[in-house]
Amino acid sequence: MEIFVPHGGDSAHVLKQTTELCIAAHQDDIEIMSYGAIANCYGQPNQHFTGVVVTDGGGSPRSGVYANYTDEDMKIIRAKEQKNAATIGRYNAQILLSHKSSEVKDPGNRKIVEELKEIIVTCSPEILYTHNLADKHDTHVAVAMHVIRALRELPLEVRPKKIISMEVWRSLDWLCDEDKFVQDTSAYPNIASAVLGVFDSQVSGGKRYDLAALGRRVANATFLASHSIDEYESASVGLDITNLVNSNKSPSDFILEYIVSFKSEVLNRIATFS
């Protein structure tokens, strides 16, 4: 576990200042799914954002100038990029766990669960963000499941007040409107671009996550409501999983309820005009 404190200070003290915590699978996932939290804390004296990246970045796709980079080269590059993003975004701290994706996708990996428990207890955030259960990336869903396991093993009184799962690989615009957690991402558009653009190994390497993430946020804001003007210029969509974590319900049953609600909404609308 590496703890990077962009603006200096004792890491143990800094982590305790955390108010919003994001636990993500890969380098740049934080910047894609939790920019709203980054912006909430940016330059604020009493709000502090901490990021956690679980994997080491070794399996990243690469092309162009990065085409001949080895997995070990990519690990170094991606860690540097993540630290640069943390510096630009004025993160409270950036934690790098550096596990292989294959390790993360092992549901019996107790080491990751124990690490996450330690981080959550130390940071004691008010809000925790992670991946959503309907994401189509295996490693993202695996991280979300590890987070749920870790939280459920902690006493209720030390769990965050809110636990939100966010979109990355697959949008959450399909959720019924009343089920959406909508987060304003309009603030500091220059910072929003910068924290994504710093991941050059991905952007120049053939994946325009910078344009895609910013475009999705604008689309979210515009298509959020059909009969009113836009409330936000840019927005991210998530699903509140606090009740899932604080219950014995299975993650599969939990997400299925929202899929069924979406199905019912679509079929009912069609039936109205049939």
C-alpha atoms as a PDB file:
ATOM      1  CA  MET A   1       0.000   0.000   0.000  1.00  0.00           C
ATOM      2  CA  GLU A   2       1.422   3.355  -1.059  1.00  0.00           C
ATOM      3  CA  ILE A   3      -0.053   6.545   0.377  1.00  0.00           C
ATOM      4  CA  PHE A   4       0.665   9.668  -1.646  1.00  0.00           C
ATOM      5  CA  VAL A   5      -0.067  13.016   0.005  1.00  0.00           C
ATOM      6  CA  PRO A   6       0.051  15.604  -2.798  1.00  0.00           C
ATOM      7  CA  HIS A   7       0.465  18.671  -0.636  1.00  0.00           C
ATOM      8  CA  GLY A   8       2.542  17.215   2.170  1.00  0.00           C
ATOM      9  CA  GLY A   9       1.839  16.316   5.754  1.00  0.00           C
ATOM     10  CA  ASP A  10       1.700  13.211   7.900  1.00  0.00           C
ATOM     11  CA  SER A  11      -0.306  10.559   6.049  1.00  0.00           C
ATOM     12  CA  ALA A  12      -2.016   9.213   9.187  1.00  0.00           C
ATOM     13  CA  HIS A  13      -3.263  12.691  10.089  1.00  0.00           C
ATOM     14  CA  VAL A  14      -4.212  13.546   6.513  1.00  0.00           C
ATOM     15  CA  LEU A  15      -6.269  10.386   5.988  1.00  0.00           C
ATOM     16  CA  LYS A  16      -8.338  11.158   9.084  1.00  0.00           C
ATOM     17  CA  GLN A  17      -9.390  14.442   7.469  1.00  0.00           C
ATOM     18  CA  THR A  18     -11.177  12.576   4.659  1.00  0.00           C
ATOM     19  CA  THR A  19     -14.841  13.456   4.161  1.00  0.00           C
ATOM     20  CA  GLU A  20     -15.354  11.813   0.745  1.00  0.00           C
ATOM     21  CA  LEU A  21     -13.628   8.572  -0.278  1.00  0.00           C
ATOM     22  CA  CYS A  22     -13.594   6.865  -3.668  1.00  0.00           C
ATOM     23  CA  ILE A  23     -12.495   3.247  -4.064  1.00  0.00           C
ATOM     24  CA  ALA A  24     -11.878   2.446  -7.729  1.00  0.00           C
ATOM     25  CA  ALA A  25     -10.426  -0.381  -9.759  1.00  0.00           C
ATOM     26  CA  HIS A  26      -8.038   1.409 -12.113  1.00  0.00           C
ATOM     27  CA  GLN A  27      -6.028   4.575 -12.534  1.00  0.00           C
ATOM     28  CA  ASP A  28      -8.407   7.203 -14.041  1.00  0.00           C
ATOM     29  CA  ASP A  29     -11.592   5.489 -12.806  1.00  0.00           C
ATOM     30  CA  ILE A  30     -11.695   7.945  -9.907  1.00  0.00           C
ATOM     31  CA  GLU A  31     -11.565  10.903 -12.256  1.00  0.00           C
ATOM     32  CA  ILE A  32     -14.264   9.423 -14.504  1.00  0.00           C
ATOM     33  CA  MET A  33     -16.788   8.458 -11.848  1.00  0.00           C
ATOM     34  CA  SER A  34     -16.166  10.769  -8.899  1.00  0.00           C
ATOM     35  CA  TYR A  35     -15.341  14.155 -10.326  1.00  0.00           C
ATOM     36  CA  GLY A  36     -18.357  15.572  -8.495  1.00  0.00           C
ATOM     37  CA  ALA A  37     -16.779  14.566  -5.187  1.00  0.00           C
ATOM     38  CA  ILE A  38     -13.407  15.969  -6.264  1.00  0.00           C
ATOM     39  CA  ALA A  39     -15.082  19.284  -7.139  1.00  0.00           C
ATOM     40  CA  ASN A  40     -17.040  19.320  -3.853  1.00  0.00           C
ATOM     41  CA  CYS A  41     -13.781  19.225  -1.926  1.00  0.00           C
ATOM     42  CA  TYR A  42     -11.599  21.316  -4.248  1.00  0.00           C
ATOM     43  CA  GLY A  43     -10.099  24.176  -2.239  1.00  0.00           C
ATOM     44  CA  GLN A  44     -12.502  23.655   0.677  1.00  0.00           C
ATOM     45  CA  PRO A  45     -10.961  23.862   4.169  1.00  0.00           C
ATOM     46  CA  ASN A  46     -13.328  21.362   5.787  1.00  0.00           C
ATOM     47  CA  GLN A  47     -13.958  18.936   2.925  1.00  0.00           C
ATOM     48  CA  HIS A  48     -11.277  16.498   1.825  1.00  0.00           C
ATOM     49  CA  PHE A  49     -11.282  13.947  -0.999  1.00  0.00           C
ATOM     50  CA  THR A  50      -9.216  10.763  -0.827  1.00  0.00           C
ATOM     51  CA  GLY A  51      -8.880   8.271  -3.669  1.00  0.00           C
ATOM     52  CA  VAL A  52      -8.025   4.571  -3.633  1.00  0.00           C
ATOM     53  CA  VAL A  53      -6.930   2.607  -6.718  1.00  0.00           C
ATOM     54  CA  VAL A  54      -6.958  -1.154  -6.195  1.00  0.00           C
ATOM     55  CA  THR A  55      -5.112  -2.478  -9.283  1.00  0.00           C
ATOM     56  CA  ASP A  56      -1.565  -1.868 -10.500  1.00  0.00           C
ATOM     57  CA  GLY A  57      -2.338  -0.783 -14.087  1.00  0.00           C
ATOM     58  CA  GLY A  58      -0.125  -3.441 -15.616  1.00  0.00           C
ATOM     59  CA  GLY A  59      -2.760  -4.811 -17.964  1.00  0.00           C
ATOM     60  CA  SER A  60      -3.696  -1.488 -19.573  1.00  0.00           C
ATOM     61  CA  PRO A  61      -4.255  -1.375 -23.352  1.00  0.00           C
ATOM     62  CA  ARG A  62      -1.519   0.561 -25.142  1.00  0.00           C
ATOM     63  CA  SER A  63      -0.576   1.842 -28.581  1.00  0.00           C
ATOM     64  CA  GLY A  64       1.372   4.666 -30.180  1.00  0.00           C
ATOM     65  CA  VAL A  65       4.400   5.735 -28.137  1.00  0.00           C
ATOM     66  CA  TYR A  66       3.312   3.254 -25.449  1.00  0.00           C
ATOM     67  CA  ALA A  67       2.947   0.271 -27.809  1.00  0.00           C
ATOM     68  CA  ASN A  68       6.197  -1.384 -26.732  1.00  0.00           C
ATOM     69  CA  TYR A  69       5.899  -0.645 -23.026  1.00  0.00           C
ATOM     70  CA  THR A  70       5.959  -3.717 -20.814  1.00  0.00           C
ATOM     71  CA  ASP A  71       3.456  -4.328 -18.038  1.00  0.00           C
ATOM     72  CA  GLU A  72       6.090  -3.205 -15.553  1.00  0.00           C
ATOM     73  CA  ASP A  73       6.602   0.015 -17.524  1.00  0.00           C
ATOM     74  CA  MET A  74       2.858   0.638 -17.512  1.00  0.00           C
ATOM     75  CA  LYS A  75       2.604   0.155 -13.769  1.00  0.00           C
ATOM     76  CA  ILE A  76       5.136   2.930 -13.245  1.00  0.00           C
ATOM     77  CA  ILE A  77       3.563   5.246 -15.821  1.00  0.00           C
ATOM     78  CA  ARG A  78       0.018   4.800 -14.554  1.00  0.00           C
ATOM     79  CA  ALA A  79       1.014   5.328 -10.921  1.00  0.00           C
ATOM     80  CA  LYS A  80       2.710   8.593 -11.894  1.00  0.00           C
ATOM     81  CA  GLU A  81      -0.352   9.682 -13.847  1.00  0.00           C
ATOM     82  CA  GLN A  82      -2.620   8.942 -10.890  1.00  0.00           C
ATOM     83  CA  LYS A  83      -0.402  10.966  -8.582  1.00  0.00           C
ATOM     84  CA  ASN A  84      -0.408  13.836 -11.072  1.00  0.00           C
ATOM     85  CA  ALA A  85      -4.208  13.771 -11.123  1.00  0.00           C
ATOM     86  CA  ALA A  86      -4.254  13.819  -7.327  1.00  0.00           C
ATOM     87  CA  THR A  87      -1.975  16.850  -7.309  1.00  0.00           C
ATOM     88  CA  ILE A  88      -4.013  18.750  -9.905  1.00  0.00           C
ATOM     89  CA  GLY A  89      -7.303  17.883  -8.195  1.00  0.00           C
ATOM     90  CA  ARG A  90      -5.932  18.810  -4.771  1.00  0.00           C
ATOM     91  CA  TYR A  91      -6.811  15.432  -3.327  1.00  0.00           C
ATOM     92  CA  ASN A  92      -6.360  14.971   0.356  1.00  0.00           C
ATOM     93  CA  ALA A  93      -4.487  11.727  -0.372  1.00  0.00           C
ATOM     94  CA  GLN A  94      -4.129   9.055  -3.027  1.00  0.00           C
ATOM     95  CA  ILE A  95      -3.764   5.404  -2.001  1.00  0.00           C
ATOM     96  CA  LEU A  96      -2.368   2.824  -4.433  1.00  0.00           C
ATOM     97  CA  LEU A  97      -2.910  -0.839  -3.507  1.00  0.00           C
ATOM     98  CA  SER A  98      -1.237  -2.231  -6.656  1.00  0.00           C
ATOM     99  CA  HIS A  99      -2.956  -5.603  -6.942  1.00  0.00           C
ATOM    100  CA  LYS A 100      -3.081  -7.574 -10.173  1.00  0.00           C
ATOM    101  CA  SER A 101      -6.502  -7.681 -11.821  1.00  0.00           C
ATOM    102  CA  SER A 102      -6.515 -11.463 -11.431  1.00  0.00           C
ATOM    103  CA  GLU A 103      -6.105 -11.015  -7.679  1.00  0.00           C
ATOM    104  CA  VAL A 104      -8.943  -8.516  -7.542  1.00  0.00           C
ATOM    105  CA  LYS A 105     -11.254 -10.854  -9.445  1.00  0.00           C
ATOM    106  CA  ASP A 106     -10.721 -13.581  -6.842  1.00  0.00           C
ATOM    107  CA  PRO A 107     -13.836 -13.333  -4.604  1.00  0.00           C
ATOM    108  CA  GLY A 108     -11.965 -15.115  -1.810  1.00  0.00           C
ATOM    109  CA  ASN A 109      -9.117 -12.582  -1.650  1.00  0.00           C
ATOM    110  CA  ARG A 110      -9.157 -11.646   2.014  1.00  0.00           C
ATOM    111  CA  LYS A 111      -6.123  -9.368   1.749  1.00  0.00           C
ATOM    112  CA  ILE A 112      -8.025  -6.815  -0.327  1.00  0.00           C
ATOM    113  CA  VAL A 113     -11.015  -6.899   2.019  1.00  0.00           C
ATOM    114  CA  GLU A 114      -8.775  -6.348   5.045  1.00  0.00           C
ATOM    115  CA  GLU A 115      -6.944  -3.491   3.333  1.00  0.00           C
ATOM    116  CA  LEU A 116     -10.217  -1.810   2.440  1.00  0.00           C
ATOM    117  CA  LYS A 117     -11.510  -2.202   5.995  1.00  0.00           C
ATOM    118  CA  GLU A 118      -8.352  -0.559   7.328  1.00  0.00           C
ATOM    119  CA  ILE A 119      -8.645   2.322   4.860  1.00  0.00           C
ATOM    120  CA  ILE A 120     -12.340   2.918   5.570  1.00  0.00           C
ATOM    121  CA  VAL A 121     -11.841   2.907   9.334  1.00  0.00           C
ATOM    122  CA  THR A 122      -8.800   5.197   9.115  1.00  0.00           C
ATOM    123  CA  CYS A 123     -10.434   7.668   6.724  1.00  0.00           C
ATOM    124  CA  SER A 124     -13.894   7.479   8.304  1.00  0.00           C
ATOM    125  CA  PRO A 125     -15.541   9.237   5.331  1.00  0.00           C
ATOM    126  CA  GLU A 126     -19.040  10.665   5.360  1.00  0.00           C
ATOM    127  CA  ILE A 127     -19.585   9.450   1.792  1.00  0.00           C
ATOM    128  CA  LEU A 128     -17.967   6.505  -0.011  1.00  0.00           C
ATOM    129  CA  TYR A 129     -18.055   6.049  -3.801  1.00  0.00           C
ATOM    130  CA  THR A 130     -17.297   2.880  -5.727  1.00  0.00           C
ATOM    131  CA  HIS A 131     -18.305   1.043  -8.910  1.00  0.00           C
ATOM    132  CA  ASN A 132     -21.868  -0.027  -9.622  1.00  0.00           C
ATOM    133  CA  LEU A 133     -23.081  -3.613  -9.818  1.00  0.00           C
ATOM    134  CA  ALA A 134     -24.406  -3.189 -13.382  1.00  0.00           C
ATOM    135  CA  ASP A 135     -20.993  -2.145 -14.732  1.00  0.00           C
ATOM    136  CA  LYS A 136     -19.809  -4.325 -17.621  1.00  0.00           C
ATOM    137  CA  HIS A 137     -16.134  -4.434 -16.580  1.00  0.00           C
ATOM    138  CA  ASP A 138     -15.360  -7.542 -14.511  1.00  0.00           C
ATOM    139  CA  THR A 139     -12.702  -5.850 -12.385  1.00  0.00           C
ATOM    140  CA  HIS A 140     -15.048  -2.965 -11.568  1.00  0.00           C
ATOM    141  CA  VAL A 141     -17.765  -5.291 -10.318  1.00  0.00           C
ATOM    142  CA  ALA A 142     -15.161  -7.303  -8.390  1.00  0.00           C
ATOM    143  CA  VAL A 143     -13.983  -4.132  -6.620  1.00  0.00           C
ATOM    144  CA  ALA A 144     -17.566  -3.184  -5.774  1.00  0.00           C
ATOM    145  CA  MET A 145     -18.120  -6.619  -4.249  1.00  0.00           C
ATOM    146  CA  HIS A 146     -14.930  -6.351  -2.171  1.00  0.00           C
ATOM    147  CA  VAL A 147     -16.084  -2.942  -0.931  1.00  0.00           C
ATOM    148  CA  ILE A 148     -19.476  -4.346   0.055  1.00  0.00           C
ATOM    149  CA  ARG A 149     -17.815  -7.244   1.885  1.00  0.00           C
ATOM    150  CA  ALA A 150     -15.451  -4.897   3.710  1.00  0.00           C
ATOM    151  CA  LEU A 151     -18.236  -2.533   4.781  1.00  0.00           C
ATOM    152  CA  ARG A 152     -20.487  -5.331   5.981  1.00  0.00           C
ATOM    153  CA  GLU A 153     -17.705  -6.624   8.223  1.00  0.00           C
ATOM    154  CA  LEU A 154     -17.369  -3.248   9.925  1.00  0.00           C
ATOM    155  CA  PRO A 155     -19.597  -2.110  12.793  1.00  0.00           C
ATOM    156  CA  LEU A 156     -22.576  -0.069  11.616  1.00  0.00           C
ATOM    157  CA  GLU A 157     -21.411   3.004  13.523  1.00  0.00           C
ATOM    158  CA  VAL A 158     -18.129   3.272  11.583  1.00  0.00           C
ATOM    159  CA  ARG A 159     -19.634   2.841   8.121  1.00  0.00           C
ATOM    160  CA  PRO A 160     -20.079   5.912   5.911  1.00  0.00           C
ATOM    161  CA  LYS A 161     -23.461   7.629   6.072  1.00  0.00           C
ATOM    162  CA  LYS A 162     -23.833   7.266   2.309  1.00  0.00           C
ATOM    163  CA  ILE A 163     -22.411   4.675  -0.086  1.00  0.00           C
ATOM    164  CA  ILE A 164     -22.853   5.522  -3.750  1.00  0.00           C
ATOM    165  CA  SER A 165     -22.059   3.333  -6.766  1.00  0.00           C
ATOM    166  CA  MET A 166     -21.146   5.279  -9.907  1.00  0.00           C
ATOM    167  CA  GLU A 167     -21.130   4.751 -13.675  1.00  0.00           C
ATOM    168  CA  VAL A 168     -17.971   4.066 -15.713  1.00  0.00           C
ATOM    169  CA  TRP A 169     -18.251   1.105 -18.108  1.00  0.00           C
ATOM    170  CA  ARG A 170     -21.976   1.393 -18.904  1.00  0.00           C
ATOM    171  CA  SER A 171     -24.007   4.482 -18.160  1.00  0.00           C
ATOM    172  CA  LEU A 172     -26.680   4.487 -15.484  1.00  0.00           C
ATOM    173  CA  ASP A 173     -29.075   6.625 -17.513  1.00  0.00           C
ATOM    174  CA  TRP A 174     -31.323   3.526 -17.755  1.00  0.00           C
ATOM    175  CA  LEU A 175     -32.258   3.820 -14.091  1.00  0.00           C
ATOM    176  CA  CYS A 176     -35.725   5.196 -13.439  1.00  0.00           C
ATOM    177  CA  ASP A 177     -35.408   8.868 -12.574  1.00  0.00           C
ATOM    178  CA  GLU A 178     -36.497   8.428  -8.957  1.00  0.00           C
ATOM    179  CA  ASP A 179     -33.699   5.871  -8.460  1.00  0.00           C
ATOM    180  CA  LYS A 180     -30.863   8.053  -9.741  1.00  0.00           C
ATOM    181  CA  PHE A 181     -28.267   9.689  -7.550  1.00  0.00           C
ATOM    182  CA  VAL A 182     -27.424  12.741  -9.655  1.00  0.00           C
ATOM    183  CA  GLN A 183     -24.229  14.603  -8.837  1.00  0.00           C
ATOM    184  CA  ASP A 184     -23.438  18.041 -10.237  1.00  0.00           C
ATOM    185  CA  THR A 185     -20.080  18.004 -12.041  1.00  0.00           C
ATOM    186  CA  SER A 186     -20.284  21.514 -13.508  1.00  0.00           C
ATOM    187  CA  ALA A 187     -17.729  23.204 -11.248  1.00  0.00           C
ATOM    188  CA  TYR A 188     -14.161  23.935 -12.364  1.00  0.00           C
ATOM    189  CA  PRO A 189     -14.428  22.596 -15.934  1.00  0.00           C
ATOM    190  CA  ASN A 190     -10.719  23.267 -16.426  1.00  0.00           C
ATOM    191  CA  ILE A 191      -9.893  20.927 -13.544  1.00  0.00           C
ATOM    192  CA  ALA A 192     -12.366  18.339 -14.840  1.00  0.00           C
ATOM    193  CA  SER A 193     -10.482  18.293 -18.140  1.00  0.00           C
ATOM    194  CA  ALA A 194      -7.051  18.371 -16.536  1.00  0.00           C
ATOM    195  CA  VAL A 195      -7.503  15.424 -14.173  1.00  0.00           C
ATOM    196  CA  LEU A 196      -8.640  13.286 -17.112  1.00  0.00           C
ATOM    197  CA  GLY A 197      -6.128  14.590 -19.649  1.00  0.00           C
ATOM    198  CA  VAL A 198      -3.175  13.768 -17.425  1.00  0.00           C
ATOM    199  CA  PHE A 199      -3.650  10.055 -18.184  1.00  0.00           C
ATOM    200  CA  ASP A 200      -1.681  10.298 -21.403  1.00  0.00           C
ATOM    201  CA  SER A 201      -0.936   6.567 -21.565  1.00  0.00           C
ATOM    202  CA  GLN A 202      -4.658   6.040 -22.149  1.00  0.00           C
ATOM    203  CA  VAL A 203      -5.577   9.173 -24.098  1.00  0.00           C
ATOM    204  CA  SER A 204      -2.618   9.000 -26.505  1.00  0.00           C
ATOM    205  CA  GLY A 205      -2.672   5.237 -26.258  1.00  0.00           C
ATOM    206  CA  GLY A 206      -6.005   4.975 -28.022  1.00  0.00           C
ATOM    207  CA  LYS A 207      -8.728   5.472 -25.393  1.00  0.00           C
ATOM    208  CA  ARG A 208     -10.290   8.947 -25.334  1.00  0.00           C
ATOM    209  CA  TYR A 209     -11.654   8.662 -21.830  1.00  0.00           C
ATOM    210  CA  ASP A 210     -11.234  12.409 -21.432  1.00  0.00           C
ATOM    211  CA  LEU A 211     -13.710  13.269 -24.197  1.00  0.00           C
ATOM    212  CA  ALA A 212     -16.026  10.365 -23.420  1.00  0.00           C
ATOM    213  CA  ALA A 213     -16.396  11.131 -19.704  1.00  0.00           C
ATOM    214  CA  LEU A 214     -16.959  14.850 -20.216  1.00  0.00           C
ATOM    215  CA  GLY A 215     -19.436  14.175 -23.036  1.00  0.00           C
ATOM    216  CA  ARG A 216     -21.387  11.683 -20.946  1.00  0.00           C
ATOM    217  CA  ARG A 217     -21.722  14.212 -18.134  1.00  0.00           C
ATOM    218  CA  VAL A 218     -23.130  16.848 -20.478  1.00  0.00           C
ATOM    219  CA  ALA A 219     -25.513  14.254 -21.944  1.00  0.00           C
ATOM    220  CA  ASN A 220     -26.615  13.232 -18.442  1.00  0.00           C
ATOM    221  CA  ALA A 221     -27.453  16.832 -17.580  1.00  0.00           C
ATOM    222  CA  THR A 222     -29.317  17.509 -20.832  1.00  0.00           C
ATOM    223  CA  PHE A 223     -31.301  14.275 -21.025  1.00  0.00           C
ATOM    224  CA  LEU A 224     -32.104  14.094 -17.312  1.00  0.00           C
ATOM    225  CA  ALA A 225     -35.519  15.745 -17.679  1.00  0.00           C
ATOM    226  CA  SER A 226     -37.532  16.056 -20.887  1.00  0.00           C
ATOM    227  CA  HIS A 227     -39.955  18.801 -19.827  1.00  0.00           C
ATOM    228  CA  SER A 228     -37.763  21.276 -17.980  1.00  0.00           C
ATOM    229  CA  ILE A 229     -34.635  23.285 -18.620  1.00  0.00           C
ATOM    230  CA  ASP A 230     -31.291  21.800 -17.567  1.00  0.00           C
ATOM    231  CA  GLU A 231     -30.625  22.006 -13.845  1.00  0.00           C
ATOM    232  CA  TYR A 232     -26.910  21.299 -14.357  1.00  0.00           C
ATOM    233  CA  GLU A 233     -24.413  21.915 -17.121  1.00  0.00           C
ATOM    234  CA  SER A 234     -22.750  18.568 -16.381  1.00  0.00           C
ATOM    235  CA  ALA A 235     -23.719  15.633 -14.158  1.00  0.00           C
ATOM    236  CA  SER A 236     -22.733  12.121 -13.154  1.00  0.00           C
ATOM    237  CA  VAL A 237     -25.269   9.431 -12.307  1.00  0.00           C
ATOM    238  CA  GLY A 238     -24.970   6.897  -9.519  1.00  0.00           C
ATOM    239  CA  LEU A 239     -27.033   4.468  -7.470  1.00  0.00           C
ATOM    240  CA  ASP A 240     -27.248   4.681  -3.683  1.00  0.00           C
ATOM    241  CA  ILE A 241     -26.283   1.273  -2.233  1.00  0.00           C
ATOM    242  CA  THR A 242     -26.308   2.290   1.438  1.00  0.00           C
ATOM    243  CA  ASN A 243     -29.355   0.127   2.174  1.00  0.00           C
ATOM    244  CA  LEU A 244     -27.767  -2.835   0.397  1.00  0.00           C
ATOM    245  CA  VAL A 245     -24.622  -2.600   2.515  1.00  0.00           C
ATOM    246  CA  ASN A 246     -26.601  -2.222   5.735  1.00  0.00           C
ATOM    247  CA  SER A 247     -28.831  -5.222   5.030  1.00  0.00           C
ATOM    248  CA  ASN A 248     -28.464  -8.929   4.332  1.00  0.00           C
ATOM    249  CA  LYS A 249     -29.879  -8.627   0.831  1.00  0.00           C
ATOM    250  CA  SER A 250     -27.790 -10.216  -1.913  1.00  0.00           C
ATOM    251  CA  PRO A 251     -26.186  -7.799  -4.395  1.00  0.00           C
ATOM    252  CA  SER A 252     -27.816  -9.760  -7.232  1.00  0.00           C
ATOM    253  CA  ASP A 253     -31.313  -9.330  -5.800  1.00  0.00           C
ATOM    254  CA  PHE A 254     -30.620  -5.657  -5.083  1.00  0.00           C
ATOM    255  CA  ILE A 255     -29.625  -4.695  -8.620  1.00  0.00           C
ATOM    256  CA  LEU A 256     -32.327  -6.914 -10.121  1.00  0.00           C
ATOM    257  CA  GLU A 257     -34.985  -4.766  -8.438  1.00  0.00           C
ATOM    258  CA  TYR A 258     -33.783  -1.737 -10.410  1.00  0.00           C
ATOM    259  CA  ILE A 259     -33.600  -3.700 -13.652  1.00  0.00           C
ATOM    260  CA  VAL A 260     -37.181  -4.891 -13.115  1.00  0.00           C
ATOM    261  CA  SER A 261     -38.299  -1.316 -12.335  1.00  0.00           C
ATOM    262  CA  PHE A 262     -36.757  -0.152 -15.616  1.00  0.00           C
ATOM    263  CA  LYS A 263     -38.447  -2.991 -17.484  1.00  0.00           C
ATOM    264  CA  SER A 264     -41.812  -2.103 -15.952  1.00  0.00           C
ATOM    265  CA  GLU A 265     -41.443   1.585 -16.801  1.00  0.00           C
ATOM    266  CA  VAL A 266     -40.683   0.819 -20.450  1.00  0.00           C
ATOM    267  CA  LEU A 267     -43.509  -1.692 -20.830  1.00  0.00           C
ATOM    268  CA  ASN A 268     -46.043   0.548 -19.086  1.00  0.00           C
ATOM    269  CA  ARG A 269     -45.199   3.473 -21.379  1.00  0.00           C
ATOM    270  CA  ILE A 270     -45.608   1.296 -24.466  1.00  0.00           C
ATOM    271  CA  ALA A 271     -48.900  -0.074 -23.124  1.00  0.00           C
ATOM    272  CA  THR A 272     -50.204   3.472 -22.633  1.00  0.00           C
ATOM    273  CA  PHE A 273     -50.048   4.087 -26.377  1.00  0.00           C
ATOM    274  CA  SER A 274     -50.934   0.612 -27.632  1.00  0.00           C
END
